[in-house]
Amino acid sequence: MTEEEYKLLCSTCDSILFEDHENMDRVAISWLHVIREHPVFLDKYEGLFKKQAFVLRVVRYARYISKSILLTFRLIWRLILFQRTKKARYSNSIDIIFVSHLLSTAQLANEEDFYFGCIPNQLAQQGLSVLVVLINHTSLPDCHVSEQIKSLQGHSIILPKLLSSVSEFNIWVRTKKQARLLRKKAKAEKNQFR
């Protein structure tokens, strides 16, 4: 991809995002957020600039459809299999929130946070209300990890990997609605690249 193509890609994606920037469904489309000018991140946009053989386009589309179907079944399976954790209750008077990462359950045995070290504890000792929100990167379901976190000081929670079944379904419906809207706009668009 040339520098001019990269600039065109960024400006076009930005214009699509800013066209309806208050629509969270559109803003949530990761494909419209060009992260950086690196081949690893730009690979998914390659088909926009290079003419591809019909067979290659069909293969890529089939791969995309297969991946979408597998991800949908994976989500349904996880919703059925994993138990929901109880909602944590916290007062509205939290002074500082740290968002950190849980890479293994072994981290839960440490008093210090993986990223922020002893800073949350020091701030709590100074009388501030501190909450550490952990993003669960382990393969374990949230309910299993939440049981282990109880041993920590009361200022840590696990960010769930899934919402309730109803919420997940509503998000799925909204994404499909946004996809239909964007396809409709694309058909009426005069600028072929856009």
C-alpha atoms as a PDB file:
ATOM      1  CA  MET A   1       0.000   0.000   0.000  1.00  0.00           C
ATOM      2  CA  THR A   2       1.397   3.387  -0.961  1.00  0.00           C
ATOM      3  CA  GLU A   3       1.355   6.431   1.286  1.00  0.00           C
ATOM      4  CA  GLU A   4      -1.339   8.056  -0.872  1.00  0.00           C
ATOM      5  CA  GLU A   5      -3.510   4.924  -0.633  1.00  0.00           C
ATOM      6  CA  TYR A   6      -3.013   4.867   3.133  1.00  0.00           C
ATOM      7  CA  LYS A   7      -4.084   8.517   3.433  1.00  0.00           C
ATOM      8  CA  LEU A   8      -7.124   7.838   1.224  1.00  0.00           C
ATOM      9  CA  LEU A   9      -8.057   4.843   3.379  1.00  0.00           C
ATOM     10  CA  CYS A  10      -7.757   6.840   6.623  1.00  0.00           C
ATOM     11  CA  SER A  11      -9.680   9.862   5.345  1.00  0.00           C
ATOM     12  CA  THR A  12     -12.452   7.683   3.888  1.00  0.00           C
ATOM     13  CA  CYS A  13     -12.858   5.620   7.058  1.00  0.00           C
ATOM     14  CA  ASP A  14     -12.826   8.783   9.160  1.00  0.00           C
ATOM     15  CA  SER A  15     -15.484  10.406   6.971  1.00  0.00           C
ATOM     16  CA  ILE A  16     -17.724   7.330   7.345  1.00  0.00           C
ATOM     17  CA  LEU A  17     -17.242   7.381  11.116  1.00  0.00           C
ATOM     18  CA  PHE A  18     -17.799  11.146  11.481  1.00  0.00           C
ATOM     19  CA  GLU A  19     -20.838  11.062   9.207  1.00  0.00           C
ATOM     20  CA  ASP A  20     -22.763   9.538  12.116  1.00  0.00           C
ATOM     21  CA  HIS A  21     -20.285   9.835  14.992  1.00  0.00           C
ATOM     22  CA  GLU A  22     -22.961   9.699  17.683  1.00  0.00           C
ATOM     23  CA  ASN A  23     -24.116   6.287  16.476  1.00  0.00           C
ATOM     24  CA  MET A  24     -22.247   3.927  18.794  1.00  0.00           C
ATOM     25  CA  ASP A  25     -23.034   0.977  16.524  1.00  0.00           C
ATOM     26  CA  ARG A  26     -21.034   2.559  13.722  1.00  0.00           C
ATOM     27  CA  VAL A  27     -18.224   3.736  15.980  1.00  0.00           C
ATOM     28  CA  ALA A  28     -17.902   0.152  17.260  1.00  0.00           C
ATOM     29  CA  ILE A  29     -17.005  -1.184  13.786  1.00  0.00           C
ATOM     30  CA  SER A  30     -13.312  -1.911  14.255  1.00  0.00           C
ATOM     31  CA  TRP A  31     -12.693  -2.169  10.500  1.00  0.00           C
ATOM     32  CA  LEU A  32     -13.314   1.589  10.160  1.00  0.00           C
ATOM     33  CA  HIS A  33     -10.554   2.372  12.673  1.00  0.00           C
ATOM     34  CA  VAL A  34      -7.262   2.208  10.787  1.00  0.00           C
ATOM     35  CA  ILE A  35      -4.810   1.586  13.607  1.00  0.00           C
ATOM     36  CA  ARG A  36      -1.414   2.293  12.060  1.00  0.00           C
ATOM     37  CA  GLU A  37       0.575   2.105   8.873  1.00  0.00           C
ATOM     38  CA  HIS A  38       2.001  -1.373   9.350  1.00  0.00           C
ATOM     39  CA  PRO A  39       1.542  -4.355   6.982  1.00  0.00           C
ATOM     40  CA  VAL A  40       0.055  -6.508   9.762  1.00  0.00           C
ATOM     41  CA  PHE A  41      -2.736  -3.981  10.361  1.00  0.00           C
ATOM     42  CA  LEU A  42      -3.218  -3.032   6.702  1.00  0.00           C
ATOM     43  CA  ASP A  43      -3.504  -6.582   5.347  1.00  0.00           C
ATOM     44  CA  LYS A  44      -7.285  -6.608   5.743  1.00  0.00           C
ATOM     45  CA  TYR A  45      -7.592  -3.558   3.460  1.00  0.00           C
ATOM     46  CA  GLU A  46      -5.450  -5.027   0.681  1.00  0.00           C
ATOM     47  CA  GLY A  47      -8.430  -5.949  -1.503  1.00  0.00           C
ATOM     48  CA  LEU A  48      -9.479  -2.288  -1.706  1.00  0.00           C
ATOM     49  CA  PHE A  49      -6.441  -1.277  -3.726  1.00  0.00           C
ATOM     50  CA  LYS A  50      -5.391  -4.360  -5.682  1.00  0.00           C
ATOM     51  CA  LYS A  51      -7.416  -6.034  -8.366  1.00  0.00           C
ATOM     52  CA  GLN A  52      -7.988  -9.580  -7.236  1.00  0.00           C
ATOM     53  CA  ALA A  53      -8.909 -12.558  -9.315  1.00  0.00           C
ATOM     54  CA  PHE A  54     -12.541 -13.619  -9.007  1.00  0.00           C
ATOM     55  CA  VAL A  55     -11.529 -16.946  -7.449  1.00  0.00           C
ATOM     56  CA  LEU A  56      -9.447 -15.207  -4.785  1.00  0.00           C
ATOM     57  CA  ARG A  57     -12.344 -12.877  -3.931  1.00  0.00           C
ATOM     58  CA  VAL A  58     -14.705 -15.854  -3.624  1.00  0.00           C
ATOM     59  CA  VAL A  59     -12.214 -17.698  -1.402  1.00  0.00           C
ATOM     60  CA  ARG A  60     -11.762 -14.638   0.844  1.00  0.00           C
ATOM     61  CA  TYR A  61     -15.513 -14.115   1.078  1.00  0.00           C
ATOM     62  CA  ALA A  62     -16.081 -17.804   1.886  1.00  0.00           C
ATOM     63  CA  ARG A  63     -13.394 -17.559   4.583  1.00  0.00           C
ATOM     64  CA  TYR A  64     -15.090 -14.452   5.982  1.00  0.00           C
ATOM     65  CA  ILE A  65     -18.523 -16.130   6.053  1.00  0.00           C
ATOM     66  CA  SER A  66     -17.069 -19.285   7.656  1.00  0.00           C
ATOM     67  CA  LYS A  67     -15.283 -17.243  10.303  1.00  0.00           C
ATOM     68  CA  SER A  68     -18.453 -15.248  11.041  1.00  0.00           C
ATOM     69  CA  ILE A  69     -20.513 -18.425  11.437  1.00  0.00           C
ATOM     70  CA  LEU A  70     -17.894 -20.020  13.704  1.00  0.00           C
ATOM     71  CA  LEU A  71     -17.655 -16.892  15.864  1.00  0.00           C
ATOM     72  CA  THR A  72     -21.449 -16.773  16.167  1.00  0.00           C
ATOM     73  CA  PHE A  73     -21.610 -20.413  17.273  1.00  0.00           C
ATOM     74  CA  ARG A  74     -18.710 -19.827  19.669  1.00  0.00           C
ATOM     75  CA  LEU A  75     -20.571 -16.916  21.240  1.00  0.00           C
ATOM     76  CA  ILE A  76     -23.775 -18.959  21.569  1.00  0.00           C
ATOM     77  CA  TRP A  77     -21.805 -21.852  23.103  1.00  0.00           C
ATOM     78  CA  ARG A  78     -20.102 -19.538  25.601  1.00  0.00           C
ATOM     79  CA  LEU A  79     -23.433 -17.957  26.550  1.00  0.00           C
ATOM     80  CA  ILE A  80     -24.909 -21.393  27.228  1.00  0.00           C
ATOM     81  CA  LEU A  81     -21.864 -22.878  28.945  1.00  0.00           C
ATOM     82  CA  PHE A  82     -20.562 -20.095  31.161  1.00  0.00           C
ATOM     83  CA  GLN A  83     -22.456 -19.043  34.220  1.00  0.00           C
ATOM     84  CA  ARG A  84     -22.978 -15.385  34.792  1.00  0.00           C
ATOM     85  CA  THR A  85     -21.178 -13.823  37.695  1.00  0.00           C
ATOM     86  CA  LYS A  86     -23.111 -11.753  40.182  1.00  0.00           C
ATOM     87  CA  LYS A  87     -23.002  -8.035  39.580  1.00  0.00           C
ATOM     88  CA  ALA A  88     -20.598  -6.259  41.856  1.00  0.00           C
ATOM     89  CA  ARG A  89     -22.089  -3.393  43.823  1.00  0.00           C
ATOM     90  CA  TYR A  90     -19.999  -0.308  44.383  1.00  0.00           C
ATOM     91  CA  SER A  91     -20.872   3.116  45.599  1.00  0.00           C
ATOM     92  CA  ASN A  92     -20.776   6.083  43.271  1.00  0.00           C
ATOM     93  CA  SER A  93     -17.937   7.540  45.286  1.00  0.00           C
ATOM     94  CA  ILE A  94     -14.993   5.771  43.668  1.00  0.00           C
ATOM     95  CA  ASP A  95     -12.151   8.248  43.313  1.00  0.00           C
ATOM     96  CA  ILE A  96      -9.830   6.305  40.983  1.00  0.00           C
ATOM     97  CA  ILE A  97     -10.407   3.402  38.607  1.00  0.00           C
ATOM     98  CA  PHE A  98      -7.470   1.415  37.247  1.00  0.00           C
ATOM     99  CA  VAL A  99      -8.057  -0.816  34.233  1.00  0.00           C
ATOM    100  CA  SER A 100      -5.543  -3.648  34.287  1.00  0.00           C
ATOM    101  CA  HIS A 101      -5.070  -7.100  32.771  1.00  0.00           C
ATOM    102  CA  LEU A 102      -5.392 -10.586  34.207  1.00  0.00           C
ATOM    103  CA  LEU A 103      -3.128 -12.858  32.179  1.00  0.00           C
ATOM    104  CA  SER A 104      -3.161 -15.834  34.554  1.00  0.00           C
ATOM    105  CA  THR A 105      -4.886 -16.734  37.798  1.00  0.00           C
ATOM    106  CA  ALA A 106      -1.477 -16.829  39.480  1.00  0.00           C
ATOM    107  CA  GLN A 107      -1.592 -13.018  39.435  1.00  0.00           C
ATOM    108  CA  LEU A 108      -4.504 -13.109  41.883  1.00  0.00           C
ATOM    109  CA  ALA A 109      -2.177 -14.351  44.629  1.00  0.00           C
ATOM    110  CA  ASN A 110      -0.044 -11.190  44.367  1.00  0.00           C
ATOM    111  CA  GLU A 111      -0.871  -8.155  46.462  1.00  0.00           C
ATOM    112  CA  GLU A 112       0.502  -5.863  43.785  1.00  0.00           C
ATOM    113  CA  ASP A 113      -1.195  -5.340  40.449  1.00  0.00           C
ATOM    114  CA  PHE A 114       0.494  -6.721  37.317  1.00  0.00           C
ATOM    115  CA  TYR A 115       0.609  -3.311  35.573  1.00  0.00           C
ATOM    116  CA  PHE A 116       0.318  -0.720  38.302  1.00  0.00           C
ATOM    117  CA  GLY A 117       2.265  -2.392  41.101  1.00  0.00           C
ATOM    118  CA  CYS A 118       1.558  -1.028  44.574  1.00  0.00           C
ATOM    119  CA  ILE A 119       0.016   2.276  43.410  1.00  0.00           C
ATOM    120  CA  PRO A 120      -3.645   1.206  43.977  1.00  0.00           C
ATOM    121  CA  ASN A 121      -2.825   0.004  47.506  1.00  0.00           C
ATOM    122  CA  GLN A 122      -0.892   3.182  48.338  1.00  0.00           C
ATOM    123  CA  LEU A 123      -3.756   5.362  47.152  1.00  0.00           C
ATOM    124  CA  ALA A 124      -6.245   3.286  49.172  1.00  0.00           C
ATOM    125  CA  GLN A 125      -4.055   3.730  52.280  1.00  0.00           C
ATOM    126  CA  GLN A 126      -4.238   7.490  51.747  1.00  0.00           C
ATOM    127  CA  GLY A 127      -8.010   7.308  52.066  1.00  0.00           C
ATOM    128  CA  LEU A 128      -8.979   7.337  48.399  1.00  0.00           C
ATOM    129  CA  SER A 129     -11.602   4.949  47.089  1.00  0.00           C
ATOM    130  CA  VAL A 130      -9.811   2.785  44.484  1.00  0.00           C
ATOM    131  CA  LEU A 131     -11.203   0.171  42.112  1.00  0.00           C
ATOM    132  CA  VAL A 132      -9.045  -2.104  39.941  1.00  0.00           C
ATOM    133  CA  VAL A 133     -10.982  -3.493  36.978  1.00  0.00           C
ATOM    134  CA  LEU A 134      -9.256  -6.565  35.546  1.00  0.00           C
ATOM    135  CA  ILE A 135      -9.739  -7.619  31.922  1.00  0.00           C
ATOM    136  CA  ASN A 136      -9.830 -11.421  31.930  1.00  0.00           C
ATOM    137  CA  HIS A 137      -7.357 -12.730  29.324  1.00  0.00           C
ATOM    138  CA  THR A 138      -7.348 -16.235  30.791  1.00  0.00           C
ATOM    139  CA  SER A 139      -9.194 -19.132  29.193  1.00  0.00           C
ATOM    140  CA  LEU A 140     -11.284 -19.602  32.340  1.00  0.00           C
ATOM    141  CA  PRO A 141     -14.878 -18.382  32.533  1.00  0.00           C
ATOM    142  CA  ASP A 142     -15.531 -15.277  34.597  1.00  0.00           C
ATOM    143  CA  CYS A 143     -17.310 -17.164  37.384  1.00  0.00           C
ATOM    144  CA  HIS A 144     -14.223 -19.329  38.099  1.00  0.00           C
ATOM    145  CA  VAL A 145     -11.897 -16.331  38.165  1.00  0.00           C
ATOM    146  CA  SER A 146     -14.288 -14.263  40.284  1.00  0.00           C
ATOM    147  CA  GLU A 147     -14.258 -16.981  42.968  1.00  0.00           C
ATOM    148  CA  GLN A 148     -10.484 -16.649  43.228  1.00  0.00           C
ATOM    149  CA  ILE A 149     -10.489 -12.868  43.339  1.00  0.00           C
ATOM    150  CA  LYS A 150     -12.426 -12.864  46.617  1.00  0.00           C
ATOM    151  CA  SER A 151      -9.138 -13.407  48.403  1.00  0.00           C
ATOM    152  CA  LEU A 152      -7.877 -10.017  47.196  1.00  0.00           C
ATOM    153  CA  GLN A 153      -8.562  -6.759  48.948  1.00  0.00           C
ATOM    154  CA  GLY A 154     -12.093  -5.589  48.224  1.00  0.00           C
ATOM    155  CA  HIS A 155     -11.060  -3.175  45.511  1.00  0.00           C
ATOM    156  CA  SER A 156     -10.777  -5.472  42.486  1.00  0.00           C
ATOM    157  CA  ILE A 157     -13.362  -6.843  40.051  1.00  0.00           C
ATOM    158  CA  ILE A 158     -13.194  -8.927  36.884  1.00  0.00           C
ATOM    159  CA  LEU A 159     -14.602  -7.347  33.751  1.00  0.00           C
ATOM    160  CA  PRO A 160     -16.894 -10.037  32.320  1.00  0.00           C
ATOM    161  CA  LYS A 161     -16.145 -11.482  28.882  1.00  0.00           C
ATOM    162  CA  LEU A 162     -19.851 -11.667  28.097  1.00  0.00           C
ATOM    163  CA  LEU A 163     -22.965  -9.726  28.904  1.00  0.00           C
ATOM    164  CA  SER A 164     -26.309 -11.341  29.556  1.00  0.00           C
ATOM    165  CA  SER A 165     -27.816 -13.385  26.713  1.00  0.00           C
ATOM    166  CA  VAL A 166     -30.387 -10.675  26.053  1.00  0.00           C
ATOM    167  CA  SER A 167     -27.741  -7.929  25.920  1.00  0.00           C
ATOM    168  CA  GLU A 168     -25.478  -9.976  23.623  1.00  0.00           C
ATOM    169  CA  PHE A 169     -28.430 -10.678  21.316  1.00  0.00           C
ATOM    170  CA  ASN A 170     -29.407  -6.995  21.255  1.00  0.00           C
ATOM    171  CA  ILE A 171     -25.862  -6.022  20.309  1.00  0.00           C
ATOM    172  CA  TRP A 172     -25.877  -8.632  17.528  1.00  0.00           C
ATOM    173  CA  VAL A 173     -29.182  -7.254  16.171  1.00  0.00           C
ATOM    174  CA  ARG A 174     -27.830  -3.699  16.231  1.00  0.00           C
ATOM    175  CA  THR A 175     -24.664  -4.697  14.354  1.00  0.00           C
ATOM    176  CA  LYS A 176     -26.724  -6.437  11.658  1.00  0.00           C
ATOM    177  CA  LYS A 177     -28.939  -3.356  11.349  1.00  0.00           C
ATOM    178  CA  GLN A 178     -25.871  -1.113  10.972  1.00  0.00           C
ATOM    179  CA  ALA A 179     -24.388  -3.468   8.358  1.00  0.00           C
ATOM    180  CA  ARG A 180     -27.605  -3.286   6.304  1.00  0.00           C
ATOM    181  CA  LEU A 181     -27.620   0.510   6.577  1.00  0.00           C
ATOM    182  CA  LEU A 182     -24.002   0.771   5.422  1.00  0.00           C
ATOM    183  CA  ARG A 183     -24.621  -1.617   2.501  1.00  0.00           C
ATOM    184  CA  LYS A 184     -27.613   0.503   1.443  1.00  0.00           C
ATOM    185  CA  LYS A 185     -25.518   3.682   1.628  1.00  0.00           C
ATOM    186  CA  ALA A 186     -22.688   2.008  -0.310  1.00  0.00           C
ATOM    187  CA  LYS A 187     -25.037   1.166  -3.191  1.00  0.00           C
ATOM    188  CA  ALA A 188     -26.147   4.813  -3.442  1.00  0.00           C
ATOM    189  CA  GLU A 189     -22.596   6.183  -3.079  1.00  0.00           C
ATOM    190  CA  LYS A 190     -21.143   7.945  -6.141  1.00  0.00           C
ATOM    191  CA  ASN A 191     -17.534   7.569  -5.002  1.00  0.00           C
ATOM    192  CA  GLN A 192     -16.759   3.926  -5.805  1.00  0.00           C
ATOM    193  CA  PHE A 193     -13.937   3.644  -3.254  1.00  0.00           C
ATOM    194  CA  ARG A 194     -16.099   4.999  -0.438  1.00  0.00           C
END
